[in-house]
Amino acid sequence: MRKNLVLLLGSLLIALPAMAQDSFLADRHVTKSVNCTACHETQAPKQGAEVSSGKCVQCHGTLENIAAKTKDKKLDPDPHYNHLVNTDCQECHRGHGQSTNVCANCHNLKYKVP
């Protein structure tokens, strides 16, 4: 019985980070105690409510700051330094839906977009 419990707990420790990676950005924000008002300015936003990149920048910084923070991931090329000037964060990152790799629409780049 004890051995089964240890195996179960070990499996959970391995599985939980993988499950968190597959969650939406809004779920990740909640696990870090960031509530709806931080992005939407209301606790109960309407379905489909947009979030401006300006709200993202308030917490995450500019694209240059984000590129510097993700430098250790060795993204080549770094999608935060790109030729699409003034791209909204939401082009790739979706709070309540599956994020998308917009670069892959034209380029053969395989990024996992959080």
PDB file of N, CA and C in Angstrom:
ATOM      1  N   MET A   1       0.829  -1.199   0.000  1.00  0.00           N
ATOM      2  CA  MET A   1       0.000   0.000   0.000  1.00  0.00           C
ATOM      3  C   MET A   1       0.874   1.264   0.000  1.00  0.00           C
ATOM      4  N   ARG A   2       1.865   1.274   0.868  1.00  0.00           N
ATOM      5  CA  ARG A   2       2.744   2.431   0.968  1.00  0.00           C
ATOM      6  C   ARG A   2       3.521   2.636  -0.335  1.00  0.00           C
ATOM      7  N   LYS A   3       3.943   1.545  -0.936  1.00  0.00           N
ATOM      8  CA  LYS A   3       4.680   1.618  -2.191  1.00  0.00           C
ATOM      9  C   LYS A   3       3.796   2.223  -3.283  1.00  0.00           C
ATOM     10  N   ASN A   4       2.517   1.832  -3.322  1.00  0.00           N
ATOM     11  CA  ASN A   4       1.576   2.395  -4.301  1.00  0.00           C
ATOM     12  C   ASN A   4       1.386   3.888  -4.098  1.00  0.00           C
ATOM     13  N   LEU A   5       1.315   4.304  -2.847  1.00  0.00           N
ATOM     14  CA  LEU A   5       1.150   5.724  -2.538  1.00  0.00           C
ATOM     15  C   LEU A   5       2.373   6.514  -2.991  1.00  0.00           C
ATOM     16  N   VAL A   6       3.552   5.981  -2.764  1.00  0.00           N
ATOM     17  CA  VAL A   6       4.782   6.648  -3.196  1.00  0.00           C
ATOM     18  C   VAL A   6       4.812   6.743  -4.721  1.00  0.00           C
ATOM     19  N   LEU A   7       4.429   5.670  -5.404  1.00  0.00           N
ATOM     20  CA  LEU A   7       4.385   5.699  -6.865  1.00  0.00           C
ATOM     21  C   LEU A   7       3.378   6.719  -7.373  1.00  0.00           C
ATOM     22  N   LEU A   8       2.221   6.795  -6.730  1.00  0.00           N
ATOM     23  CA  LEU A   8       1.201   7.763  -7.129  1.00  0.00           C
ATOM     24  C   LEU A   8       1.711   9.185  -6.955  1.00  0.00           C
ATOM     25  N   LEU A   9       2.300   9.469  -5.809  1.00  0.00           N
ATOM     26  CA  LEU A   9       2.814  10.815  -5.561  1.00  0.00           C
ATOM     27  C   LEU A   9       3.944  11.166  -6.529  1.00  0.00           C
ATOM     28  N   GLY A  10       4.813  10.205  -6.793  1.00  0.00           N
ATOM     29  CA  GLY A  10       5.889  10.442  -7.756  1.00  0.00           C
ATOM     30  C   GLY A  10       5.344  10.736  -9.140  1.00  0.00           C
ATOM     31  N   SER A  11       4.325  10.003  -9.547  1.00  0.00           N
ATOM     32  CA  SER A  11       3.697  10.231 -10.856  1.00  0.00           C
ATOM     33  C   SER A  11       3.078  11.614 -10.935  1.00  0.00           C
ATOM     34  N   LEU A  12       2.434  12.035  -9.846  1.00  0.00           N
ATOM     35  CA  LEU A  12       1.830  13.372  -9.828  1.00  0.00           C
ATOM     36  C   LEU A  12       2.888  14.459  -9.942  1.00  0.00           C
ATOM     37  N   LEU A  13       4.003  14.280  -9.261  1.00  0.00           N
ATOM     38  CA  LEU A  13       5.068  15.276  -9.332  1.00  0.00           C
ATOM     39  C   LEU A  13       5.619  15.410 -10.749  1.00  0.00           C
ATOM     40  N   ILE A  14       5.634  14.334 -11.472  1.00  0.00           N
ATOM     41  CA  ILE A  14       6.101  14.364 -12.860  1.00  0.00           C
ATOM     42  C   ILE A  14       5.026  14.944 -13.780  1.00  0.00           C
ATOM     43  N   ALA A  15       3.773  14.574 -13.546  1.00  0.00           N
ATOM     44  CA  ALA A  15       2.685  14.954 -14.444  1.00  0.00           C
ATOM     45  C   ALA A  15       2.231  16.400 -14.275  1.00  0.00           C
ATOM     46  N   LEU A  16       2.260  16.931 -13.073  1.00  0.00           N
ATOM     47  CA  LEU A  16       1.720  18.279 -12.840  1.00  0.00           C
ATOM     48  C   LEU A  16       2.410  19.355 -13.664  1.00  0.00           C
ATOM     49  N   PRO A  17       3.733  19.409 -13.740  1.00  0.00           N
ATOM     50  CA  PRO A  17       4.349  20.440 -14.591  1.00  0.00           C
ATOM     51  C   PRO A  17       3.956  20.294 -16.056  1.00  0.00           C
ATOM     52  N   ALA A  18       3.831  19.081 -16.542  1.00  0.00           N
ATOM     53  CA  ALA A  18       3.429  18.867 -17.938  1.00  0.00           C
ATOM     54  C   ALA A  18       2.006  19.346 -18.147  1.00  0.00           C
ATOM     55  N   MET A  19       1.132  19.093 -17.191  1.00  0.00           N
ATOM     56  CA  MET A  19      -0.257  19.550 -17.312  1.00  0.00           C
ATOM     57  C   MET A  19      -0.317  21.061 -17.297  1.00  0.00           C
ATOM     58  N   ALA A  20       0.500  21.702 -16.473  1.00  0.00           N
ATOM     59  CA  ALA A  20       0.506  23.161 -16.398  1.00  0.00           C
ATOM     60  C   ALA A  20       0.963  23.767 -17.711  1.00  0.00           C
ATOM     61  N   GLN A  21       1.894  23.113 -18.412  1.00  0.00           N
ATOM     62  CA  GLN A  21       2.375  23.631 -19.678  1.00  0.00           C
ATOM     63  C   GLN A  21       1.281  23.612 -20.732  1.00  0.00           C
ATOM     64  N   ASP A  22       0.349  22.696 -20.638  1.00  0.00           N
ATOM     65  CA  ASP A  22      -0.697  22.579 -21.634  1.00  0.00           C
ATOM     66  C   ASP A  22      -1.910  23.450 -21.311  1.00  0.00           C
ATOM     67  N   SER A  23      -1.907  24.130 -20.166  1.00  0.00           N
ATOM     68  CA  SER A  23      -3.031  24.978 -19.810  1.00  0.00           C
ATOM     69  C   SER A  23      -2.939  26.303 -20.573  1.00  0.00           C
ATOM     70  N   PHE A  24      -4.037  27.034 -20.553  1.00  0.00           N
ATOM     71  CA  PHE A  24      -4.057  28.327 -21.220  1.00  0.00           C
ATOM     72  C   PHE A  24      -3.321  29.361 -20.370  1.00  0.00           C
ATOM     73  N   LEU A  25      -2.955  30.482 -20.976  1.00  0.00           N
ATOM     74  CA  LEU A  25      -2.248  31.530 -20.249  1.00  0.00           C
ATOM     75  C   LEU A  25      -3.046  32.043 -19.055  1.00  0.00           C
ATOM     76  N   ALA A  26      -4.342  32.147 -19.211  1.00  0.00           N
ATOM     77  CA  ALA A  26      -5.171  32.616 -18.097  1.00  0.00           C
ATOM     78  C   ALA A  26      -5.018  31.686 -16.899  1.00  0.00           C
ATOM     79  N   ASP A  27      -4.943  30.372 -17.145  1.00  0.00           N
ATOM     80  CA  ASP A  27      -4.758  29.408 -16.068  1.00  0.00           C
ATOM     81  C   ASP A  27      -3.401  29.603 -15.396  1.00  0.00           C
ATOM     82  N   ARG A  28      -2.389  29.856 -16.191  1.00  0.00           N
ATOM     83  CA  ARG A  28      -1.053  30.107 -15.637  1.00  0.00           C
ATOM     84  C   ARG A  28      -1.049  31.365 -14.782  1.00  0.00           C
ATOM     85  N   HIS A  29      -1.748  32.397 -15.254  1.00  0.00           N
ATOM     86  CA  HIS A  29      -1.831  33.631 -14.481  1.00  0.00           C
ATOM     87  C   HIS A  29      -2.499  33.369 -13.133  1.00  0.00           C
ATOM     88  N   VAL A  30      -3.579  32.604 -13.134  1.00  0.00           N
ATOM     89  CA  VAL A  30      -4.305  32.312 -11.889  1.00  0.00           C
ATOM     90  C   VAL A  30      -3.399  31.567 -10.911  1.00  0.00           C
ATOM     91  N   THR A  31      -2.609  30.607 -11.397  1.00  0.00           N
ATOM     92  CA  THR A  31      -1.724  29.862 -10.491  1.00  0.00           C
ATOM     93  C   THR A  31      -0.659  30.763  -9.882  1.00  0.00           C
ATOM     94  N   LYS A  32      -0.418  31.920 -10.499  1.00  0.00           N
ATOM     95  CA  LYS A  32       0.553  32.878  -9.959  1.00  0.00           C
ATOM     96  C   LYS A  32      -0.150  34.025  -9.233  1.00  0.00           C
ATOM     97  N   SER A  33      -1.415  33.789  -8.872  1.00  0.00           N
ATOM     98  CA  SER A  33      -2.230  34.754  -8.119  1.00  0.00           C
ATOM     99  C   SER A  33      -2.478  36.053  -8.874  1.00  0.00           C
ATOM    100  N   VAL A  34      -2.516  35.990 -10.190  1.00  0.00           N
ATOM    101  CA  VAL A  34      -2.882  37.148 -11.008  1.00  0.00           C
ATOM    102  C   VAL A  34      -4.361  36.990 -11.336  1.00  0.00           C
ATOM    103  N   ASN A  35      -5.187  37.929 -10.871  1.00  0.00           N
ATOM    104  CA  ASN A  35      -6.626  37.780 -11.099  1.00  0.00           C
ATOM    105  C   ASN A  35      -7.070  38.428 -12.402  1.00  0.00           C
ATOM    106  N   CYS A  36      -8.319  38.228 -12.751  1.00  0.00           N
ATOM    107  CA  CYS A  36      -8.874  38.699 -14.028  1.00  0.00           C
ATOM    108  C   CYS A  36      -8.711  40.201 -14.227  1.00  0.00           C
ATOM    109  N   THR A  37      -8.840  40.962 -13.145  1.00  0.00           N
ATOM    110  CA  THR A  37      -8.788  42.419 -13.270  1.00  0.00           C
ATOM    111  C   THR A  37      -7.414  42.912 -13.726  1.00  0.00           C
ATOM    112  N   ALA A  38      -6.369  42.157 -13.492  1.00  0.00           N
ATOM    113  CA  ALA A  38      -5.033  42.582 -13.910  1.00  0.00           C
ATOM    114  C   ALA A  38      -4.959  42.773 -15.425  1.00  0.00           C
ATOM    115  N   CYS A  39      -5.679  41.945 -16.165  1.00  0.00           N
ATOM    116  CA  CYS A  39      -5.664  42.038 -17.629  1.00  0.00           C
ATOM    117  C   CYS A  39      -6.932  42.684 -18.178  1.00  0.00           C
ATOM    118  N   HIS A  40      -8.065  42.341 -17.591  1.00  0.00           N
ATOM    119  CA  HIS A  40      -9.358  42.756 -18.148  1.00  0.00           C
ATOM    120  C   HIS A  40      -9.974  43.980 -17.484  1.00  0.00           C
ATOM    121  N   GLU A  41      -9.422  44.410 -16.358  1.00  0.00           N
ATOM    122  CA  GLU A  41      -9.939  45.553 -15.597  1.00  0.00           C
ATOM    123  C   GLU A  41     -11.331  45.323 -15.026  1.00  0.00           C
ATOM    124  N   THR A  42     -11.803  44.087 -15.039  1.00  0.00           N
ATOM    125  CA  THR A  42     -13.057  43.719 -14.395  1.00  0.00           C
ATOM    126  C   THR A  42     -12.941  42.267 -13.963  1.00  0.00           C
ATOM    127  N   GLN A  43     -13.567  41.925 -12.840  1.00  0.00           N
ATOM    128  CA  GLN A  43     -13.469  40.558 -12.322  1.00  0.00           C
ATOM    129  C   GLN A  43     -14.259  39.571 -13.179  1.00  0.00           C
ATOM    130  N   ALA A  44     -15.268  40.061 -13.890  1.00  0.00           N
ATOM    131  CA  ALA A  44     -16.103  39.181 -14.719  1.00  0.00           C
ATOM    132  C   ALA A  44     -16.173  39.729 -16.142  1.00  0.00           C
ATOM    133  N   PRO A  45     -15.087  39.582 -16.923  1.00  0.00           N
ATOM    134  CA  PRO A  45     -15.098  40.104 -18.298  1.00  0.00           C
ATOM    135  C   PRO A  45     -16.079  39.339 -19.175  1.00  0.00           C
ATOM    136  N   LYS A  46     -16.594  40.018 -20.198  1.00  0.00           N
ATOM    137  CA  LYS A  46     -17.497  39.365 -21.146  1.00  0.00           C
ATOM    138  C   LYS A  46     -16.708  38.363 -21.978  1.00  0.00           C
ATOM    139  N   GLN A  47     -17.369  37.309 -22.398  1.00  0.00           N
ATOM    140  CA  GLN A  47     -16.712  36.308 -23.228  1.00  0.00           C
ATOM    141  C   GLN A  47     -16.176  36.962 -24.496  1.00  0.00           C
ATOM    142  N   GLY A  48     -14.940  36.638 -24.844  1.00  0.00           N
ATOM    143  CA  GLY A  48     -14.310  37.206 -26.030  1.00  0.00           C
ATOM    144  C   GLY A  48     -13.694  38.571 -25.802  1.00  0.00           C
ATOM    145  N   ALA A  49     -13.665  39.042 -24.555  1.00  0.00           N
ATOM    146  CA  ALA A  49     -13.102  40.361 -24.256  1.00  0.00           C
ATOM    147  C   ALA A  49     -11.636  40.413 -24.665  1.00  0.00           C
ATOM    148  N   GLU A  50     -11.264  41.480 -25.323  1.00  0.00           N
ATOM    149  CA  GLU A  50      -9.893  41.668 -25.798  1.00  0.00           C
ATOM    150  C   GLU A  50      -9.028  42.246 -24.674  1.00  0.00           C
ATOM    151  N   VAL A  51      -7.741  41.952 -24.735  1.00  0.00           N
ATOM    152  CA  VAL A  51      -6.757  42.533 -23.828  1.00  0.00           C
ATOM    153  C   VAL A  51      -5.717  43.213 -24.707  1.00  0.00           C
ATOM    154  N   SER A  52      -5.409  44.453 -24.402  1.00  0.00           N
ATOM    155  CA  SER A  52      -4.428  45.174 -25.217  1.00  0.00           C
ATOM    156  C   SER A  52      -3.016  44.738 -24.840  1.00  0.00           C
ATOM    157  N   SER A  53      -2.109  44.859 -25.793  1.00  0.00           N
ATOM    158  CA  SER A  53      -0.706  44.551 -25.516  1.00  0.00           C
ATOM    159  C   SER A  53      -0.152  45.481 -24.446  1.00  0.00           C
ATOM    160  N   GLY A  54      -0.742  46.657 -24.334  1.00  0.00           N
ATOM    161  CA  GLY A  54      -0.326  47.593 -23.297  1.00  0.00           C
ATOM    162  C   GLY A  54      -0.465  47.004 -21.906  1.00  0.00           C
ATOM    163  N   LYS A  55      -1.505  46.201 -21.694  1.00  0.00           N
ATOM    164  CA  LYS A  55      -1.685  45.541 -20.399  1.00  0.00           C
ATOM    165  C   LYS A  55      -0.596  44.501 -20.183  1.00  0.00           C
ATOM    166  N   CYS A  56      -0.227  43.773 -21.229  1.00  0.00           N
ATOM    167  CA  CYS A  56       0.834  42.759 -21.122  1.00  0.00           C
ATOM    168  C   CYS A  56       2.154  43.418 -20.750  1.00  0.00           C
ATOM    169  N   VAL A  57       2.447  44.547 -21.409  1.00  0.00           N
ATOM    170  CA  VAL A  57       3.709  45.260 -21.212  1.00  0.00           C
ATOM    171  C   VAL A  57       3.835  45.770 -19.776  1.00  0.00           C
ATOM    172  N   GLN A  58       2.715  46.101 -19.150  1.00  0.00           N
ATOM    173  CA  GLN A  58       2.770  46.607 -17.776  1.00  0.00           C
ATOM    174  C   GLN A  58       3.421  45.611 -16.825  1.00  0.00           C
ATOM    175  N   CYS A  59       3.196  44.323 -17.047  1.00  0.00           N
ATOM    176  CA  CYS A  59       3.787  43.293 -16.170  1.00  0.00           C
ATOM    177  C   CYS A  59       5.019  42.633 -16.778  1.00  0.00           C
ATOM    178  N   HIS A  60       4.969  42.361 -18.076  1.00  0.00           N
ATOM    179  CA  HIS A  60       6.017  41.570 -18.721  1.00  0.00           C
ATOM    180  C   HIS A  60       7.119  42.418 -19.345  1.00  0.00           C
ATOM    181  N   GLY A  61       6.888  43.713 -19.511  1.00  0.00           N
ATOM    182  CA  GLY A  61       7.883  44.583 -20.128  1.00  0.00           C
ATOM    183  C   GLY A  61       7.756  44.589 -21.645  1.00  0.00           C
ATOM    184  N   THR A  62       8.650  45.310 -22.288  1.00  0.00           N
ATOM    185  CA  THR A  62       8.625  45.455 -23.742  1.00  0.00           C
ATOM    186  C   THR A  62       9.093  44.165 -24.421  1.00  0.00           C
ATOM    187  N   LEU A  63       8.915  44.099 -25.741  1.00  0.00           N
ATOM    188  CA  LEU A  63       9.399  42.937 -26.489  1.00  0.00           C
ATOM    189  C   LEU A  63      10.902  42.746 -26.289  1.00  0.00           C
ATOM    190  N   GLU A  64      11.644  43.844 -26.207  1.00  0.00           N
ATOM    191  CA  GLU A  64      13.088  43.755 -25.971  1.00  0.00           C
ATOM    192  C   GLU A  64      13.371  43.120 -24.611  1.00  0.00           C
ATOM    193  N   ASN A  65      12.605  43.509 -23.590  1.00  0.00           N
ATOM    194  CA  ASN A  65      12.773  42.927 -22.257  1.00  0.00           C
ATOM    195  C   ASN A  65      12.445  41.435 -22.275  1.00  0.00           C
ATOM    196  N   ILE A  66      11.383  41.080 -22.964  1.00  0.00           N
ATOM    197  CA  ILE A  66      10.978  39.672 -23.035  1.00  0.00           C
ATOM    198  C   ILE A  66      12.017  38.858 -23.783  1.00  0.00           C
ATOM    199  N   ALA A  67      12.542  39.407 -24.869  1.00  0.00           N
ATOM    200  CA  ALA A  67      13.588  38.708 -25.621  1.00  0.00           C
ATOM    201  C   ALA A  67      14.807  38.469 -24.731  1.00  0.00           C
ATOM    202  N   ALA A  68      15.157  39.450 -23.910  1.00  0.00           N
ATOM    203  CA  ALA A  68      16.300  39.286 -23.003  1.00  0.00           C
ATOM    204  C   ALA A  68      16.015  38.201 -21.968  1.00  0.00           C
ATOM    205  N   LYS A  69      14.765  38.155 -21.458  1.00  0.00           N
ATOM    206  CA  LYS A  69      14.395  37.151 -20.452  1.00  0.00           C
ATOM    207  C   LYS A  69      14.375  35.740 -21.030  1.00  0.00           C
ATOM    208  N   THR A  70      14.056  35.611 -22.301  1.00  0.00           N
ATOM    209  CA  THR A  70      13.961  34.282 -22.923  1.00  0.00           C
ATOM    210  C   THR A  70      15.236  33.905 -23.671  1.00  0.00           C
ATOM    211  N   LYS A  71      16.270  34.710 -23.535  1.00  0.00           N
ATOM    212  CA  LYS A  71      17.527  34.477 -24.257  1.00  0.00           C
ATOM    213  C   LYS A  71      18.100  33.086 -23.976  1.00  0.00           C
ATOM    214  N   ASP A  72      17.970  32.608 -22.734  1.00  0.00           N
ATOM    215  CA  ASP A  72      18.522  31.304 -22.373  1.00  0.00           C
ATOM    216  C   ASP A  72      17.813  30.136 -23.057  1.00  0.00           C
ATOM    217  N   LYS A  73      16.644  30.388 -23.636  1.00  0.00           N
ATOM    218  CA  LYS A  73      15.929  29.335 -24.370  1.00  0.00           C
ATOM    219  C   LYS A  73      16.524  29.114 -25.755  1.00  0.00           C
ATOM    220  N   LYS A  74      17.422  29.998 -26.152  1.00  0.00           N
ATOM    221  CA  LYS A  74      18.135  29.896 -27.430  1.00  0.00           C
ATOM    222  C   LYS A  74      17.182  29.738 -28.624  1.00  0.00           C
ATOM    223  N   LEU A  75      16.156  30.578 -28.666  1.00  0.00           N
ATOM    224  CA  LEU A  75      15.228  30.590 -29.800  1.00  0.00           C
ATOM    225  C   LEU A  75      15.940  31.234 -30.976  1.00  0.00           C
ATOM    226  N   ASP A  76      15.986  30.554 -32.081  1.00  0.00           N
ATOM    227  CA  ASP A  76      16.719  31.074 -33.234  1.00  0.00           C
ATOM    228  C   ASP A  76      15.856  30.992 -34.485  1.00  0.00           C
ATOM    229  N   PRO A  77      15.383  32.121 -34.967  1.00  0.00           N
ATOM    230  CA  PRO A  77      15.498  33.472 -34.408  1.00  0.00           C
ATOM    231  C   PRO A  77      14.515  33.664 -33.266  1.00  0.00           C
ATOM    232  N   ASP A  78      14.792  34.644 -32.423  1.00  0.00           N
ATOM    233  CA  ASP A  78      13.896  34.946 -31.315  1.00  0.00           C
ATOM    234  C   ASP A  78      12.642  35.615 -31.873  1.00  0.00           C
ATOM    235  N   PRO A  79      11.461  35.061 -31.621  1.00  0.00           N
ATOM    236  CA  PRO A  79      10.238  35.629 -32.190  1.00  0.00           C
ATOM    237  C   PRO A  79       9.894  37.016 -31.655  1.00  0.00           C
ATOM    238  N   HIS A  80      10.503  37.396 -30.528  1.00  0.00           N
ATOM    239  CA  HIS A  80      10.231  38.725 -29.980  1.00  0.00           C
ATOM    240  C   HIS A  80      11.052  39.807 -30.667  1.00  0.00           C
ATOM    241  N   TYR A  81      12.098  39.421 -31.402  1.00  0.00           N
ATOM    242  CA  TYR A  81      12.821  40.316 -32.302  1.00  0.00           C
ATOM    243  C   TYR A  81      12.395  39.901 -33.696  1.00  0.00           C
ATOM    244  N   ASN A  82      11.456  40.586 -34.290  1.00  0.00           N
ATOM    245  CA  ASN A  82      10.983  40.135 -35.600  1.00  0.00           C
ATOM    246  C   ASN A  82      10.697  41.305 -36.522  1.00  0.00           C
ATOM    247  N   HIS A  83      10.448  40.992 -37.759  1.00  0.00           N
ATOM    248  CA  HIS A  83      10.206  42.011 -38.785  1.00  0.00           C
ATOM    249  C   HIS A  83       8.765  42.509 -38.792  1.00  0.00           C
ATOM    250  N   LEU A  84       7.905  41.887 -38.008  1.00  0.00           N
ATOM    251  CA  LEU A  84       6.513  42.340 -37.914  1.00  0.00           C
ATOM    252  C   LEU A  84       6.425  43.405 -36.830  1.00  0.00           C
ATOM    253  N   VAL A  85       6.666  44.614 -37.207  1.00  0.00           N
ATOM    254  CA  VAL A  85       6.738  45.725 -36.264  1.00  0.00           C
ATOM    255  C   VAL A  85       5.384  45.945 -35.594  1.00  0.00           C
ATOM    256  N   ASN A  86       5.430  46.215 -34.297  1.00  0.00           N
ATOM    257  CA  ASN A  86       4.234  46.500 -33.497  1.00  0.00           C
ATOM    258  C   ASN A  86       3.208  45.376 -33.516  1.00  0.00           C
ATOM    259  N   THR A  87       3.658  44.147 -33.510  1.00  0.00           N
ATOM    260  CA  THR A  87       2.752  43.001 -33.443  1.00  0.00           C
ATOM    261  C   THR A  87       2.135  42.942 -32.054  1.00  0.00           C
ATOM    262  N   ASP A  88       0.827  42.764 -31.986  1.00  0.00           N
ATOM    263  CA  ASP A  88       0.158  42.604 -30.697  1.00  0.00           C
ATOM    264  C   ASP A  88       0.542  41.264 -30.088  1.00  0.00           C
ATOM    265  N   CYS A  89       0.664  41.234 -28.779  1.00  0.00           N
ATOM    266  CA  CYS A  89       0.993  39.994 -28.068  1.00  0.00           C
ATOM    267  C   CYS A  89      -0.022  38.899 -28.407  1.00  0.00           C
ATOM    268  N   GLN A  90      -1.292  39.313 -28.573  1.00  0.00           N
ATOM    269  CA  GLN A  90      -2.372  38.365 -28.805  1.00  0.00           C
ATOM    270  C   GLN A  90      -2.326  37.709 -30.184  1.00  0.00           C
ATOM    271  N   GLU A  91      -1.456  38.179 -31.047  1.00  0.00           N
ATOM    272  CA  GLU A  91      -1.288  37.504 -32.335  1.00  0.00           C
ATOM    273  C   GLU A  91      -0.828  36.069 -32.101  1.00  0.00           C
ATOM    274  N   CYS A  92       0.006  35.876 -31.091  1.00  0.00           N
ATOM    275  CA  CYS A  92       0.517  34.541 -30.767  1.00  0.00           C
ATOM    276  C   CYS A  92      -0.063  34.005 -29.456  1.00  0.00           C
ATOM    277  N   HIS A  93      -0.089  34.851 -28.439  1.00  0.00           N
ATOM    278  CA  HIS A  93      -0.481  34.427 -27.095  1.00  0.00           C
ATOM    279  C   HIS A  93      -1.967  34.667 -26.877  1.00  0.00           C
ATOM    280  N   ARG A  94      -2.692  33.618 -26.548  1.00  0.00           N
ATOM    281  CA  ARG A  94      -4.135  33.704 -26.306  1.00  0.00           C
ATOM    282  C   ARG A  94      -4.405  33.365 -24.850  1.00  0.00           C
ATOM    283  N   GLY A  95      -5.061  34.237 -24.140  1.00  0.00           N
ATOM    284  CA  GLY A  95      -5.317  34.026 -22.718  1.00  0.00           C
ATOM    285  C   GLY A  95      -6.230  32.856 -22.428  1.00  0.00           C
ATOM    286  N   HIS A  96      -7.302  32.759 -23.194  1.00  0.00           N
ATOM    287  CA  HIS A  96      -8.313  31.740 -22.903  1.00  0.00           C
ATOM    288  C   HIS A  96      -8.477  30.747 -24.036  1.00  0.00           C
ATOM    289  N   GLY A  97      -7.478  30.603 -24.849  1.00  0.00           N
ATOM    290  CA  GLY A  97      -7.520  29.659 -25.957  1.00  0.00           C
ATOM    291  C   GLY A  97      -6.127  29.175 -26.275  1.00  0.00           C
ATOM    292  N   GLN A  98      -6.036  28.291 -27.239  1.00  0.00           N
ATOM    293  CA  GLN A  98      -4.746  27.742 -27.636  1.00  0.00           C
ATOM    294  C   GLN A  98      -3.910  28.821 -28.323  1.00  0.00           C
ATOM    295  N   SER A  99      -2.724  29.068 -27.801  1.00  0.00           N
ATOM    296  CA  SER A  99      -1.821  30.031 -28.422  1.00  0.00           C
ATOM    297  C   SER A  99      -1.334  29.472 -29.752  1.00  0.00           C
ATOM    298  N   THR A 100      -0.821  30.359 -30.607  1.00  0.00           N
ATOM    299  CA  THR A 100      -0.439  29.929 -31.945  1.00  0.00           C
ATOM    300  C   THR A 100       0.922  30.497 -32.336  1.00  0.00           C
ATOM    301  N   ASN A 101       1.625  29.777 -33.147  1.00  0.00           N
ATOM    302  CA  ASN A 101       2.927  30.196 -33.648  1.00  0.00           C
ATOM    303  C   ASN A 101       2.701  30.917 -34.974  1.00  0.00           C
ATOM    304  N   VAL A 102       2.526  32.220 -34.916  1.00  0.00           N
ATOM    305  CA  VAL A 102       2.256  33.013 -36.115  1.00  0.00           C
ATOM    306  C   VAL A 102       3.429  32.976 -37.082  1.00  0.00           C
ATOM    307  N   CYS A 103       4.645  32.888 -36.574  1.00  0.00           N
ATOM    308  CA  CYS A 103       5.826  32.831 -37.437  1.00  0.00           C
ATOM    309  C   CYS A 103       5.745  31.656 -38.411  1.00  0.00           C
ATOM    310  N   ALA A 104       5.143  30.557 -37.957  1.00  0.00           N
ATOM    311  CA  ALA A 104       5.064  29.344 -38.777  1.00  0.00           C
ATOM    312  C   ALA A 104       4.117  29.505 -39.969  1.00  0.00           C
ATOM    313  N   ASN A 105       3.338  30.581 -40.005  1.00  0.00           N
ATOM    314  CA  ASN A 105       2.480  30.812 -41.177  1.00  0.00           C
ATOM    315  C   ASN A 105       3.314  31.033 -42.438  1.00  0.00           C
ATOM    316  N   CYS A 106       4.509  31.593 -42.269  1.00  0.00           N
ATOM    317  CA  CYS A 106       5.368  31.870 -43.420  1.00  0.00           C
ATOM    318  C   CYS A 106       6.720  31.171 -43.339  1.00  0.00           C
ATOM    319  N   HIS A 107       7.169  30.889 -42.136  1.00  0.00           N
ATOM    320  CA  HIS A 107       8.505  30.336 -41.930  1.00  0.00           C
ATOM    321  C   HIS A 107       8.423  28.924 -41.368  1.00  0.00           C
ATOM    322  N   ASN A 108       9.451  28.144 -41.596  1.00  0.00           N
ATOM    323  CA  ASN A 108       9.521  26.792 -41.054  1.00  0.00           C
ATOM    324  C   ASN A 108      10.166  26.863 -39.664  1.00  0.00           C
ATOM    325  N   LEU A 109       9.442  27.456 -38.717  1.00  0.00           N
ATOM    326  CA  LEU A 109       9.924  27.611 -37.353  1.00  0.00           C
ATOM    327  C   LEU A 109       8.966  26.876 -36.415  1.00  0.00           C
ATOM    328  N   LYS A 110       9.508  26.077 -35.556  1.00  0.00           N
ATOM    329  CA  LYS A 110       8.693  25.275 -34.668  1.00  0.00           C
ATOM    330  C   LYS A 110       8.877  25.773 -33.230  1.00  0.00           C
ATOM    331  N   TYR A 111       8.028  26.685 -32.826  1.00  0.00           N
ATOM    332  CA  TYR A 111       8.032  27.215 -31.469  1.00  0.00           C
ATOM    333  C   TYR A 111       6.824  26.684 -30.730  1.00  0.00           C
ATOM    334  N   LYS A 112       6.997  26.347 -29.456  1.00  0.00           N
ATOM    335  CA  LYS A 112       5.860  26.061 -28.579  1.00  0.00           C
ATOM    336  C   LYS A 112       5.528  27.387 -27.910  1.00  0.00           C
ATOM    337  N   VAL A 113       4.402  27.946 -28.256  1.00  0.00           N
ATOM    338  CA  VAL A 113       4.009  29.264 -27.764  1.00  0.00           C
ATOM    339  C   VAL A 113       3.174  29.092 -26.503  1.00  0.00           C
ATOM    340  N   PRO A 114       3.632  29.706 -25.393  1.00  0.00           N
ATOM    341  CA  PRO A 114       2.849  29.594 -24.142  1.00  0.00           C
ATOM    342  C   PRO A 114       1.591  30.418 -24.201  1.00  0.00           C
TER     343      PRO A 114
END
